[in-house]
PDB file of N, CA and C in Angstrom:
ATOM      1  N   UNK A   1      11.401 -13.885  10.783  1.00  0.00           N
ATOM      2  CA  UNK A   1       9.980 -14.323  10.839  1.00  0.00           C
ATOM      3  C   UNK A   1       9.274 -13.498   9.639  1.00  0.00           C
ATOM      4  N   UNK A   2       8.606 -14.272   8.814  1.00  0.00           N
ATOM      5  CA  UNK A   2       7.919 -13.654   7.669  1.00  0.00           C
ATOM      6  C   UNK A   2       6.412 -13.408   8.133  1.00  0.00           C
ATOM      7  N   UNK A   3       6.073 -12.092   7.646  1.00  0.00           N
ATOM      8  CA  UNK A   3       4.758 -11.749   7.914  1.00  0.00           C
ATOM      9  C   UNK A   3       4.172 -11.260   6.550  1.00  0.00           C
ATOM     10  N   UNK A   4       2.821 -11.350   6.342  1.00  0.00           N
ATOM     11  CA  UNK A   4       2.038 -10.819   5.144  1.00  0.00           C
ATOM     12  C   UNK A   4       1.990  -9.340   5.283  1.00  0.00           C
ATOM     13  N   UNK A   5       2.408  -8.635   4.263  1.00  0.00           N
ATOM     14  CA  UNK A   5       2.042  -7.224   4.168  1.00  0.00           C
ATOM     15  C   UNK A   5       1.361  -6.947   2.845  1.00  0.00           C
ATOM     16  N   UNK A   6       0.718  -5.788   2.838  1.00  0.00           N
ATOM     17  CA  UNK A   6      -0.077  -5.403   1.630  1.00  0.00           C
ATOM     18  C   UNK A   6       0.314  -3.982   1.343  1.00  0.00           C
ATOM     19  N   UNK A   7       0.041  -3.683  -0.004  1.00  0.00           N
ATOM     20  CA  UNK A   7       0.178  -2.289  -0.443  1.00  0.00           C
ATOM     21  C   UNK A   7      -0.857  -1.973  -1.512  1.00  0.00           C
ATOM     22  N   UNK A   8      -1.230  -0.888  -1.678  1.00  0.00           N
ATOM     23  CA  UNK A   8      -2.119  -0.490  -2.813  1.00  0.00           C
ATOM     24  C   UNK A   8      -1.330  -0.273  -4.081  1.00  0.00           C
ATOM     25  N   UNK A   9      -1.641  -1.157  -4.921  1.00  0.00           N
ATOM     26  CA  UNK A   9      -0.870  -1.105  -6.320  1.00  0.00           C
ATOM     27  C   UNK A   9      -2.085  -0.690  -7.377  1.00  0.00           C
ATOM     28  N   UNK A  10      -1.788   0.288  -8.074  1.00  0.00           N
ATOM     29  CA  UNK A  10      -2.748   0.654  -9.032  1.00  0.00           C
ATOM     30  C   UNK A  10      -2.269   0.429 -10.539  1.00  0.00           C
ATOM     31  N   UNK A  11      -3.059  -0.193 -11.284  1.00  0.00           N
ATOM     32  CA  UNK A  11      -2.684  -0.387 -12.765  1.00  0.00           C
ATOM     33  C   UNK A  11      -2.739   0.932 -13.503  1.00  0.00           C
ATOM     34  N   UNK A  12      -3.789   1.758 -12.970  1.00  0.00           N
ATOM     35  CA  UNK A  12      -3.944   3.086 -13.624  1.00  0.00           C
ATOM     36  C   UNK A  12      -4.713   3.954 -12.559  1.00  0.00           C
ATOM     37  N   UNK A  13      -4.617   5.269 -12.804  1.00  0.00           N
ATOM     38  CA  UNK A  13      -5.131   6.081 -11.948  1.00  0.00           C
ATOM     39  C   UNK A  13      -4.632   7.643 -12.343  1.00  0.00           C
ATOM     40  N   UNK A  14      -5.025   8.547 -11.363  1.00  0.00           N
ATOM     41  CA  UNK A  14      -4.432   9.907 -11.662  1.00  0.00           C
ATOM     42  C   UNK A  14      -4.113  10.453 -10.287  1.00  0.00           C
ATOM     43  N   UNK A  15      -3.071  11.271 -10.486  1.00  0.00           N
ATOM     44  CA  UNK A  15      -2.463  11.955  -9.262  1.00  0.00           C
ATOM     45  C   UNK A  15      -2.424  13.403  -9.742  1.00  0.00           C
ATOM     46  N   UNK A  16      -3.157  14.211  -8.820  1.00  0.00           N
ATOM     47  CA  UNK A  16      -3.228  15.677  -9.159  1.00  0.00           C
ATOM     48  C   UNK A  16      -3.651  16.018 -10.557  1.00  0.00           C
ATOM     49  N   UNK A  17      -4.631  15.209 -10.943  1.00  0.00           N
ATOM     50  CA  UNK A  17      -5.056  15.398 -12.351  1.00  0.00           C
ATOM     51  C   UNK A  17      -4.296  14.725 -13.477  1.00  0.00           C
ATOM     52  N   UNK A  18      -3.044  14.170 -13.185  1.00  0.00           N
ATOM     53  CA  UNK A  18      -2.283  13.664 -14.217  1.00  0.00           C
ATOM     54  C   UNK A  18      -2.462  12.127 -14.224  1.00  0.00           C
ATOM     55  N   UNK A  19      -2.699  11.497 -15.362  1.00  0.00           N
ATOM     56  CA  UNK A  19      -2.682   9.969 -15.512  1.00  0.00           C
ATOM     57  C   UNK A  19      -1.393   9.387 -15.248  1.00  0.00           C
ATOM     58  N   UNK A  20      -1.483   8.291 -14.460  1.00  0.00           N
ATOM     59  CA  UNK A  20      -0.343   7.459 -14.120  1.00  0.00           C
ATOM     60  C   UNK A  20      -0.796   5.970 -14.351  1.00  0.00           C
ATOM     61  N   UNK A  21       0.292   5.156 -14.685  1.00  0.00           N
ATOM     62  CA  UNK A  21       0.007   3.667 -14.653  1.00  0.00           C
ATOM     63  C   UNK A  21       1.112   2.946 -13.883  1.00  0.00           C
ATOM     64  N   UNK A  22       0.692   1.898 -13.392  1.00  0.00           N
ATOM     65  CA  UNK A  22       1.450   0.985 -12.580  1.00  0.00           C
ATOM     66  C   UNK A  22       2.291   1.631 -11.489  1.00  0.00           C
ATOM     67  N   UNK A  23       1.466   1.987 -10.478  1.00  0.00           N
ATOM     68  CA  UNK A  23       2.180   2.835  -9.392  1.00  0.00           C
ATOM     69  C   UNK A  23       1.657   2.232  -8.054  1.00  0.00           C
ATOM     70  N   UNK A  24       2.450   2.423  -6.966  1.00  0.00           N
ATOM     71  CA  UNK A  24       1.988   1.908  -5.648  1.00  0.00           C
ATOM     72  C   UNK A  24       1.647   3.303  -4.846  1.00  0.00           C
ATOM     73  N   UNK A  25       0.934   3.140  -3.746  1.00  0.00           N
ATOM     74  CA  UNK A  25       0.471   4.305  -2.909  1.00  0.00           C
ATOM     75  C   UNK A  25       1.057   3.818  -1.589  1.00  0.00           C
ATOM     76  N   UNK A  26       1.886   4.633  -0.891  1.00  0.00           N
ATOM     77  CA  UNK A  26       2.429   4.431   0.487  1.00  0.00           C
ATOM     78  C   UNK A  26       2.089   5.658   1.226  1.00  0.00           C
ATOM     79  N   UNK A  27       2.294   5.425   2.582  1.00  0.00           N
ATOM     80  CA  UNK A  27       2.052   6.669   3.449  1.00  0.00           C
ATOM     81  C   UNK A  27       0.560   7.042   3.308  1.00  0.00           C
ATOM     82  N   UNK A  28      -0.273   6.270   3.166  1.00  0.00           N
ATOM     83  CA  UNK A  28      -1.743   6.480   3.018  1.00  0.00           C
ATOM     84  C   UNK A  28      -2.286   7.084   4.249  1.00  0.00           C
ATOM     85  N   UNK A  29      -2.882   8.336   4.199  1.00  0.00           N
ATOM     86  CA  UNK A  29      -3.541   8.967   5.298  1.00  0.00           C
ATOM     87  C   UNK A  29      -4.991   9.052   5.253  1.00  0.00           C
ATOM     88  N   UNK A  30      -5.591   8.691   4.041  1.00  0.00           N
ATOM     89  CA  UNK A  30      -7.084   8.774   3.981  1.00  0.00           C
ATOM     90  C   UNK A  30      -7.458   7.960   2.725  1.00  0.00           C
ATOM     91  N   UNK A  31      -8.599   7.250   3.044  1.00  0.00           N
ATOM     92  CA  UNK A  31      -9.208   6.408   1.961  1.00  0.00           C
ATOM     93  C   UNK A  31     -10.723   6.556   2.027  1.00  0.00           C
ATOM     94  N   UNK A  32     -11.395   6.315   0.834  1.00  0.00           N
ATOM     95  CA  UNK A  32     -12.794   6.256   0.866  1.00  0.00           C
ATOM     96  C   UNK A  32     -13.288   4.938   1.373  1.00  0.00           C
ATOM     97  N   UNK A  33     -14.537   4.980   1.816  1.00  0.00           N
ATOM     98  CA  UNK A  33     -15.215   3.805   2.354  1.00  0.00           C
ATOM     99  C   UNK A  33     -15.236   2.505   1.439  1.00  0.00           C
ATOM    100  N   UNK A  34     -15.324   2.761   0.169  1.00  0.00           N
ATOM    101  CA  UNK A  34     -15.222   1.595  -0.786  1.00  0.00           C
ATOM    102  C   UNK A  34     -13.973   0.900  -0.669  1.00  0.00           C
ATOM    103  N   UNK A  35     -12.765   1.613  -0.464  1.00  0.00           N
ATOM    104  CA  UNK A  35     -11.593   0.823  -0.355  1.00  0.00           C
ATOM    105  C   UNK A  35     -11.502   0.338   1.024  1.00  0.00           C
ATOM    106  N   UNK A  36     -11.866   0.911   2.116  1.00  0.00           N
ATOM    107  CA  UNK A  36     -11.936   0.522   3.322  1.00  0.00           C
ATOM    108  C   UNK A  36     -12.685  -0.859   3.646  1.00  0.00           C
ATOM    109  N   UNK A  37     -13.693  -0.884   3.041  1.00  0.00           N
ATOM    110  CA  UNK A  37     -14.576  -2.233   3.027  1.00  0.00           C
ATOM    111  C   UNK A  37     -13.791  -3.308   2.288  1.00  0.00           C
ATOM    112  N   UNK A  38     -13.123  -3.074   1.232  1.00  0.00           N
ATOM    113  CA  UNK A  38     -12.354  -4.011   0.440  1.00  0.00           C
ATOM    114  C   UNK A  38     -11.181  -4.437   1.166  1.00  0.00           C
ATOM    115  N   UNK A  39     -10.608  -3.752   2.075  1.00  0.00           N
ATOM    116  CA  UNK A  39      -9.376  -4.016   2.823  1.00  0.00           C
ATOM    117  C   UNK A  39      -9.624  -4.756   4.138  1.00  0.00           C
ATOM    118  N   UNK A  40     -10.931  -5.013   4.455  1.00  0.00           N
ATOM    119  CA  UNK A  40     -11.178  -5.616   5.730  1.00  0.00           C
ATOM    120  C   UNK A  40     -10.643  -7.057   5.945  1.00  0.00           C
ATOM    121  N   UNK A  41     -10.485  -7.824   4.799  1.00  0.00           N
ATOM    122  CA  UNK A  41      -9.733  -9.254   4.863  1.00  0.00           C
ATOM    123  C   UNK A  41      -8.351  -9.054   5.517  1.00  0.00           C
ATOM    124  N   UNK A  42      -7.792  -7.890   5.609  1.00  0.00           N
ATOM    125  CA  UNK A  42      -6.333  -7.576   6.066  1.00  0.00           C
ATOM    126  C   UNK A  42      -6.417  -6.738   7.303  1.00  0.00           C
ATOM    127  N   UNK A  43      -6.818  -7.248   8.329  1.00  0.00           N
ATOM    128  CA  UNK A  43      -6.876  -6.394   9.688  1.00  0.00           C
ATOM    129  C   UNK A  43      -5.586  -5.786  10.115  1.00  0.00           C
ATOM    130  N   UNK A  44      -4.497  -6.421   9.636  1.00  0.00           N
ATOM    131  CA  UNK A  44      -3.177  -5.941  10.067  1.00  0.00           C
ATOM    132  C   UNK A  44      -2.726  -4.686   9.221  1.00  0.00           C
ATOM    133  N   UNK A  45      -3.540  -4.256   8.408  1.00  0.00           N
ATOM    134  CA  UNK A  45      -3.210  -2.993   7.671  1.00  0.00           C
ATOM    135  C   UNK A  45      -4.209  -2.003   8.226  1.00  0.00           C
ATOM    136  N   UNK A  46      -3.987  -1.245   9.096  1.00  0.00           N
ATOM    137  CA  UNK A  46      -4.779  -0.381   9.856  1.00  0.00           C
ATOM    138  C   UNK A  46      -4.045   1.052  10.124  1.00  0.00           C
ATOM    139  N   UNK A  47      -4.759   1.973  10.741  1.00  0.00           N
ATOM    140  CA  UNK A  47      -4.394   3.220  11.052  1.00  0.00           C
ATOM    141  C   UNK A  47      -3.232   3.222  12.223  1.00  0.00           C
ATOM    142  N   UNK A  48      -2.282   4.098  12.177  1.00  0.00           N
ATOM    143  CA  UNK A  48      -1.263   4.164  13.262  1.00  0.00           C
ATOM    144  C   UNK A  48      -1.516   5.790  13.665  1.00  0.00           C
ATOM    145  N   UNK A  49      -1.716   5.979  14.845  1.00  0.00           N
ATOM    146  CA  UNK A  49      -1.821   7.442  15.254  1.00  0.00           C
ATOM    147  C   UNK A  49      -0.387   8.056  15.133  1.00  0.00           C
ATOM    148  N   UNK A  50      -0.470   9.219  14.545  1.00  0.00           N
ATOM    149  CA  UNK A  50       0.860   9.916  14.275  1.00  0.00           C
ATOM    150  C   UNK A  50       0.885  11.171  15.153  1.00  0.00           C
ATOM    151  N   UNK A  51       1.942  11.926  15.038  1.00  0.00           N
ATOM    152  CA  UNK A  51       2.142  13.128  15.878  1.00  0.00           C
ATOM    153  C   UNK A  51       1.280  14.282  15.382  1.00  0.00           C
ATOM    154  N   UNK A  52       1.125  14.367  14.017  1.00  0.00           N
ATOM    155  CA  UNK A  52       0.287  15.418  13.335  1.00  0.00           C
ATOM    156  C   UNK A  52      -0.943  14.850  12.749  1.00  0.00           C
ATOM    157  N   UNK A  53      -0.753  13.716  12.220  1.00  0.00           N
ATOM    158  CA  UNK A  53      -2.033  12.985  11.749  1.00  0.00           C
ATOM    159  C   UNK A  53      -1.668  11.477  11.746  1.00  0.00           C
ATOM    160  N   UNK A  54      -2.838  10.733  11.602  1.00  0.00           N
ATOM    161  CA  UNK A  54      -2.502   9.333  11.522  1.00  0.00           C
ATOM    162  C   UNK A  54      -2.487   8.833  10.133  1.00  0.00           C
ATOM    163  N   UNK A  55      -1.889   7.629   9.932  1.00  0.00           N
ATOM    164  CA  UNK A  55      -1.668   7.002   8.602  1.00  0.00           C
ATOM    165  C   UNK A  55      -1.933   5.532   8.635  1.00  0.00           C
ATOM    166  N   UNK A  56      -2.139   4.905   7.524  1.00  0.00           N
ATOM    167  CA  UNK A  56      -2.265   3.388   7.601  1.00  0.00           C
ATOM    168  C   UNK A  56      -0.985   2.764   7.363  1.00  0.00           C
ATOM    169  N   UNK A  57      -0.796   1.650   8.048  1.00  0.00           N
ATOM    170  CA  UNK A  57       0.344   0.860   7.872  1.00  0.00           C
ATOM    171  C   UNK A  57       0.179  -0.714   8.130  1.00  0.00           C
ATOM    172  N   UNK A  58       0.972  -1.457   7.622  1.00  0.00           N
ATOM    173  CA  UNK A  58       0.965  -2.891   8.043  1.00  0.00           C
ATOM    174  C   UNK A  58       1.435  -3.103   9.336  1.00  0.00           C
ATOM    175  N   UNK A  59       0.908  -4.018  10.144  1.00  0.00           N
ATOM    176  CA  UNK A  59       1.222  -4.321  11.478  1.00  0.00           C
ATOM    177  C   UNK A  59       1.724  -5.772  11.655  1.00  0.00           C
ATOM    178  N   UNK A  60       2.584  -6.012  12.486  1.00  0.00           N
ATOM    179  CA  UNK A  60       2.943  -7.459  12.778  1.00  0.00           C
ATOM    180  C   UNK A  60       1.873  -8.101  13.439  1.00  0.00           C
ATOM    181  N   UNK A  61       1.285  -9.346  12.924  1.00  0.00           N
ATOM    182  CA  UNK A  61       0.275 -10.048  13.621  1.00  0.00           C
ATOM    183  C   UNK A  61       0.692 -10.630  14.883  1.00  0.00           C
ATOM    184  N   UNK A  62       1.880 -10.833  15.304  1.00  0.00           N
ATOM    185  CA  UNK A  62       2.475 -11.317  16.429  1.00  0.00           C
ATOM    186  C   UNK A  62       2.669 -10.367  17.531  1.00  0.00           C
ATOM    187  N   UNK A  63       3.312  -9.167  17.221  1.00  0.00           N
ATOM    188  CA  UNK A  63       3.665  -8.331  18.300  1.00  0.00           C
ATOM    189  C   UNK A  63       2.831  -6.869  18.073  1.00  0.00           C
ATOM    190  N   UNK A  64       2.189  -6.815  17.033  1.00  0.00           N
ATOM    191  CA  UNK A  64       1.332  -5.447  16.751  1.00  0.00           C
ATOM    192  C   UNK A  64       2.233  -4.281  16.348  1.00  0.00           C
ATOM    193  N   UNK A  65       3.492  -4.515  16.137  1.00  0.00           N
ATOM    194  CA  UNK A  65       4.256  -3.258  15.818  1.00  0.00           C
ATOM    195  C   UNK A  65       4.174  -2.912  14.291  1.00  0.00           C
ATOM    196  N   UNK A  66       3.957  -1.551  14.175  1.00  0.00           N
ATOM    197  CA  UNK A  66       3.836  -1.106  12.702  1.00  0.00           C
ATOM    198  C   UNK A  66       5.056  -1.290  11.896  1.00  0.00           C
ATOM    199  N   UNK A  67       4.705  -1.637  10.673  1.00  0.00           N
ATOM    200  CA  UNK A  67       5.860  -1.922   9.776  1.00  0.00           C
ATOM    201  C   UNK A  67       5.986  -0.715   8.877  1.00  0.00           C
ATOM    202  N   UNK A  68       6.990   0.153   8.949  1.00  0.00           N
ATOM    203  CA  UNK A  68       7.094   1.387   8.181  1.00  0.00           C
ATOM    204  C   UNK A  68       7.115   1.174   6.755  1.00  0.00           C
ATOM    205  N   UNK A  69       6.338   1.902   5.993  1.00  0.00           N
ATOM    206  CA  UNK A  69       6.366   1.898   4.500  1.00  0.00           C
ATOM    207  C   UNK A  69       7.778   2.156   3.873  1.00  0.00           C
ATOM    208  N   UNK A  70       8.604   2.971   4.602  1.00  0.00           N
ATOM    209  CA  UNK A  70       9.873   3.290   4.087  1.00  0.00           C
ATOM    210  C   UNK A  70      10.753   1.982   3.869  1.00  0.00           C
ATOM    211  N   UNK A  71      10.674   0.961   4.743  1.00  0.00           N
ATOM    212  CA  UNK A  71      11.422  -0.212   4.595  1.00  0.00           C
ATOM    213  C   UNK A  71      10.755  -1.204   3.586  1.00  0.00           C
ATOM    214  N   UNK A  72       9.572  -0.931   3.101  1.00  0.00           N
ATOM    215  CA  UNK A  72       8.829  -1.881   2.184  1.00  0.00           C
ATOM    216  C   UNK A  72       8.955  -1.353   0.750  1.00  0.00           C
ATOM    217  N   UNK A  73       9.047  -0.041   0.485  1.00  0.00           N
ATOM    218  CA  UNK A  73       8.817   0.663  -0.829  1.00  0.00           C
ATOM    219  C   UNK A  73       9.926   1.275  -1.426  1.00  0.00           C
ATOM    220  N   UNK A  74      10.966   1.833  -0.648  1.00  0.00           N
ATOM    221  CA  UNK A  74      11.779   2.853  -1.110  1.00  0.00           C
ATOM    222  C   UNK A  74      13.131   2.482  -1.869  1.00  0.00           C
ATOM    223  N   UNK A  75      13.577   1.147  -1.664  1.00  0.00           N
ATOM    224  CA  UNK A  75      14.823   0.741  -2.218  1.00  0.00           C
ATOM    225  C   UNK A  75      14.642  -0.536  -3.118  1.00  0.00           C
ATOM    226  N   UNK A  76      15.503  -0.595  -4.164  1.00  0.00           N
ATOM    227  CA  UNK A  76      15.273  -1.688  -5.069  1.00  0.00           C
ATOM    228  C   UNK A  76      15.279  -3.203  -4.517  1.00  0.00           C
ATOM    229  N   UNK A  77      15.892  -3.325  -3.430  1.00  0.00           N
ATOM    230  CA  UNK A  77      15.811  -4.703  -2.808  1.00  0.00           C
ATOM    231  C   UNK A  77      14.735  -4.853  -1.760  1.00  0.00           C
ATOM    232  N   UNK A  78      13.832  -4.033  -1.724  1.00  0.00           N
ATOM    233  CA  UNK A  78      12.716  -4.082  -0.822  1.00  0.00           C
ATOM    234  C   UNK A  78      11.488  -4.662  -1.531  1.00  0.00           C
ATOM    235  N   UNK A  79      10.603  -5.440  -0.850  1.00  0.00           N
ATOM    236  CA  UNK A  79       9.683  -6.178  -1.558  1.00  0.00           C
ATOM    237  C   UNK A  79       8.603  -5.436  -2.435  1.00  0.00           C
ATOM    238  N   UNK A  80       8.274  -4.257  -2.036  1.00  0.00           N
ATOM    239  CA  UNK A  80       7.222  -3.476  -2.735  1.00  0.00           C
ATOM    240  C   UNK A  80       7.827  -2.386  -3.627  1.00  0.00           C
ATOM    241  N   UNK A  81       8.966  -2.443  -3.975  1.00  0.00           N
ATOM    242  CA  UNK A  81       9.633  -1.468  -4.705  1.00  0.00           C
ATOM    243  C   UNK A  81       9.317  -1.372  -6.141  1.00  0.00           C
ATOM    244  N   UNK A  82       9.183  -2.690  -6.802  1.00  0.00           N
ATOM    245  CA  UNK A  82       8.826  -2.725  -8.185  1.00  0.00           C
ATOM    246  C   UNK A  82       7.870  -3.923  -8.387  1.00  0.00           C
ATOM    247  N   UNK A  83       6.567  -3.748  -8.252  1.00  0.00           N
ATOM    248  CA  UNK A  83       5.866  -4.969  -8.361  1.00  0.00           C
ATOM    249  C   UNK A  83       5.719  -5.513  -9.681  1.00  0.00           C
ATOM    250  N   UNK A  84       5.754  -4.682 -10.680  1.00  0.00           N
ATOM    251  CA  UNK A  84       5.737  -5.297 -12.158  1.00  0.00           C
ATOM    252  C   UNK A  84       6.978  -6.110 -12.405  1.00  0.00           C
ATOM    253  N   UNK A  85       8.080  -5.885 -11.706  1.00  0.00           N
ATOM    254  CA  UNK A  85       9.356  -6.624 -11.849  1.00  0.00           C
ATOM    255  C   UNK A  85       9.732  -7.535 -10.726  1.00  0.00           C
ATOM    256  N   UNK A  86       8.746  -7.873  -9.898  1.00  0.00           N
ATOM    257  CA  UNK A  86       8.938  -8.708  -8.792  1.00  0.00           C
ATOM    258  C   UNK A  86       9.132 -10.141  -9.247  1.00  0.00           C
ATOM    259  N   UNK A  87       9.838 -10.982  -8.375  1.00  0.00           N
ATOM    260  CA  UNK A  87      10.058 -12.321  -8.754  1.00  0.00           C
ATOM    261  C   UNK A  87       8.738 -13.044  -8.837  1.00  0.00           C
ATOM    262  N   UNK A  88       8.690 -14.017  -9.832  1.00  0.00           N
ATOM    263  CA  UNK A  88       7.290 -14.737  -9.856  1.00  0.00           C
ATOM    264  C   UNK A  88       7.065 -15.409  -8.717  1.00  0.00           C
ATOM    265  N   UNK A  89       5.766 -15.304  -8.217  1.00  0.00           N
ATOM    266  CA  UNK A  89       5.335 -15.957  -7.013  1.00  0.00           C
ATOM    267  C   UNK A  89       5.551 -15.129  -5.704  1.00  0.00           C
ATOM    268  N   UNK A  90       6.400 -14.175  -5.855  1.00  0.00           N
ATOM    269  CA  UNK A  90       6.707 -13.425  -4.584  1.00  0.00           C
ATOM    270  C   UNK A  90       5.518 -12.403  -4.240  1.00  0.00           C
ATOM    271  N   UNK A  91       4.731 -11.981  -5.093  1.00  0.00           N
ATOM    272  CA  UNK A  91       3.655 -11.156  -4.817  1.00  0.00           C
ATOM    273  C   UNK A  91       2.398 -11.625  -5.267  1.00  0.00           C
ATOM    274  N   UNK A  92       1.311 -11.546  -4.590  1.00  0.00           N
ATOM    275  CA  UNK A  92      -0.140 -12.001  -4.949  1.00  0.00           C
ATOM    276  C   UNK A  92      -0.843 -10.689  -5.126  1.00  0.00           C
ATOM    277  N   UNK A  93      -1.410 -10.593  -6.242  1.00  0.00           N
ATOM    278  CA  UNK A  93      -2.327  -9.509  -6.718  1.00  0.00           C
ATOM    279  C   UNK A  93      -3.807  -9.790  -6.330  1.00  0.00           C
ATOM    280  N   UNK A  94      -4.483  -8.925  -5.671  1.00  0.00           N
ATOM    281  CA  UNK A  94      -5.954  -9.229  -5.273  1.00  0.00           C
ATOM    282  C   UNK A  94      -6.641  -8.056  -5.981  1.00  0.00           C
ATOM    283  N   UNK A  95      -7.434  -8.309  -6.918  1.00  0.00           N
ATOM    284  CA  UNK A  95      -8.059  -7.167  -7.583  1.00  0.00           C
ATOM    285  C   UNK A  95      -9.207  -6.583  -6.723  1.00  0.00           C
ATOM    286  N   UNK A  96      -9.336  -5.395  -6.768  1.00  0.00           N
ATOM    287  CA  UNK A  96     -10.402  -4.582  -6.074  1.00  0.00           C
ATOM    288  C   UNK A  96     -11.581  -4.274  -7.121  1.00  0.00           C
ATOM    289  N   UNK A  97     -12.534  -3.991  -6.624  1.00  0.00           N
ATOM    290  CA  UNK A  97     -13.750  -3.685  -7.419  1.00  0.00           C
ATOM    291  C   UNK A  97     -14.101  -2.261  -7.432  1.00  0.00           C
ATOM    292  N   UNK A  98     -14.217  -1.658  -8.712  1.00  0.00           N
ATOM    293  CA  UNK A  98     -14.656  -0.310  -8.871  1.00  0.00           C
ATOM    294  C   UNK A  98     -13.494   0.592  -8.627  1.00  0.00           C
ATOM    295  N   UNK A  99     -13.786   1.931  -8.777  1.00  0.00           N
ATOM    296  CA  UNK A  99     -12.747   3.023  -8.521  1.00  0.00           C
ATOM    297  C   UNK A  99     -12.703   3.321  -6.946  1.00  0.00           C
ATOM    298  N   UNK A 100     -11.492   3.718  -6.604  1.00  0.00           N
ATOM    299  CA  UNK A 100     -11.284   4.008  -5.277  1.00  0.00           C
ATOM    300  C   UNK A 100     -10.638   5.295  -5.282  1.00  0.00           C
ATOM    301  N   UNK A 101     -10.783   6.031  -4.046  1.00  0.00           N
ATOM    302  CA  UNK A 101      -9.974   7.190  -3.858  1.00  0.00           C
ATOM    303  C   UNK A 101      -9.215   7.151  -2.567  1.00  0.00           C
ATOM    304  N   UNK A 102      -7.980   7.647  -2.585  1.00  0.00           N
ATOM    305  CA  UNK A 102      -7.132   7.692  -1.398  1.00  0.00           C
ATOM    306  C   UNK A 102      -6.114   8.729  -1.479  1.00  0.00           C
ATOM    307  N   UNK A 103      -5.545   9.082  -0.209  1.00  0.00           N
ATOM    308  CA  UNK A 103      -4.541  10.175  -0.190  1.00  0.00           C
ATOM    309  C   UNK A 103      -3.309   9.490   0.456  1.00  0.00           C
ATOM    310  N   UNK A 104      -2.169   9.682  -0.382  1.00  0.00           N
ATOM    311  CA  UNK A 104      -0.962   9.154   0.102  1.00  0.00           C
ATOM    312  C   UNK A 104       0.267   9.546  -0.806  1.00  0.00           C
ATOM    313  N   UNK A 105       1.186   8.955  -0.868  1.00  0.00           N
ATOM    314  CA  UNK A 105       2.314   9.168  -1.646  1.00  0.00           C
ATOM    315  C   UNK A 105       2.680   8.186  -2.814  1.00  0.00           C
ATOM    316  N   UNK A 106       2.476   8.520  -3.996  1.00  0.00           N
ATOM    317  CA  UNK A 106       2.633   7.602  -5.110  1.00  0.00           C
ATOM    318  C   UNK A 106       4.097   7.458  -5.453  1.00  0.00           C
ATOM    319  N   UNK A 107       4.327   6.157  -5.934  1.00  0.00           N
ATOM    320  CA  UNK A 107       5.690   5.731  -6.364  1.00  0.00           C
ATOM    321  C   UNK A 107       5.615   4.968  -7.682  1.00  0.00           C
ATOM    322  N   UNK A 108       6.386   5.306  -8.650  1.00  0.00           N
ATOM    323  CA  UNK A 108       6.470   4.688  -9.861  1.00  0.00           C
ATOM    324  C   UNK A 108       7.824   4.711 -10.458  1.00  0.00           C
ATOM    325  N   UNK A 109       7.942   3.816 -11.329  1.00  0.00           N
ATOM    326  CA  UNK A 109       9.303   3.709 -12.158  1.00  0.00           C
ATOM    327  C   UNK A 109       9.217   4.594 -13.315  1.00  0.00           C
ATOM    328  N   UNK A 110      10.317   5.146 -13.758  1.00  0.00           N
ATOM    329  CA  UNK A 110      10.392   5.940 -15.033  1.00  0.00           C
ATOM    330  C   UNK A 110      10.847   5.088 -16.105  1.00  0.00           C
TER     331      UNK A 110
END
């Protein structure tokens, strides 16, 4: 069964003061209100309570199960591993307005 999942993809930004381009953010544990408002059209991307802290994840719209970022981002055959190199039509980009701030783990290709 296919479900829609989202990720935060940044054309540019900074991580710990260092500039980066074309990177994704997974394991998001905090985001500013501006990003939260812009993500409202995707209610299945929401907080999952964790043991030490909660984090944001995609959820199955049918059963409600959290979809672990590990299985979406970490290997070359996974859908969000390399957005710039994804097959045409496999990923839809939706632009966000303005700058956003969030806390999570960045991933980028060298």
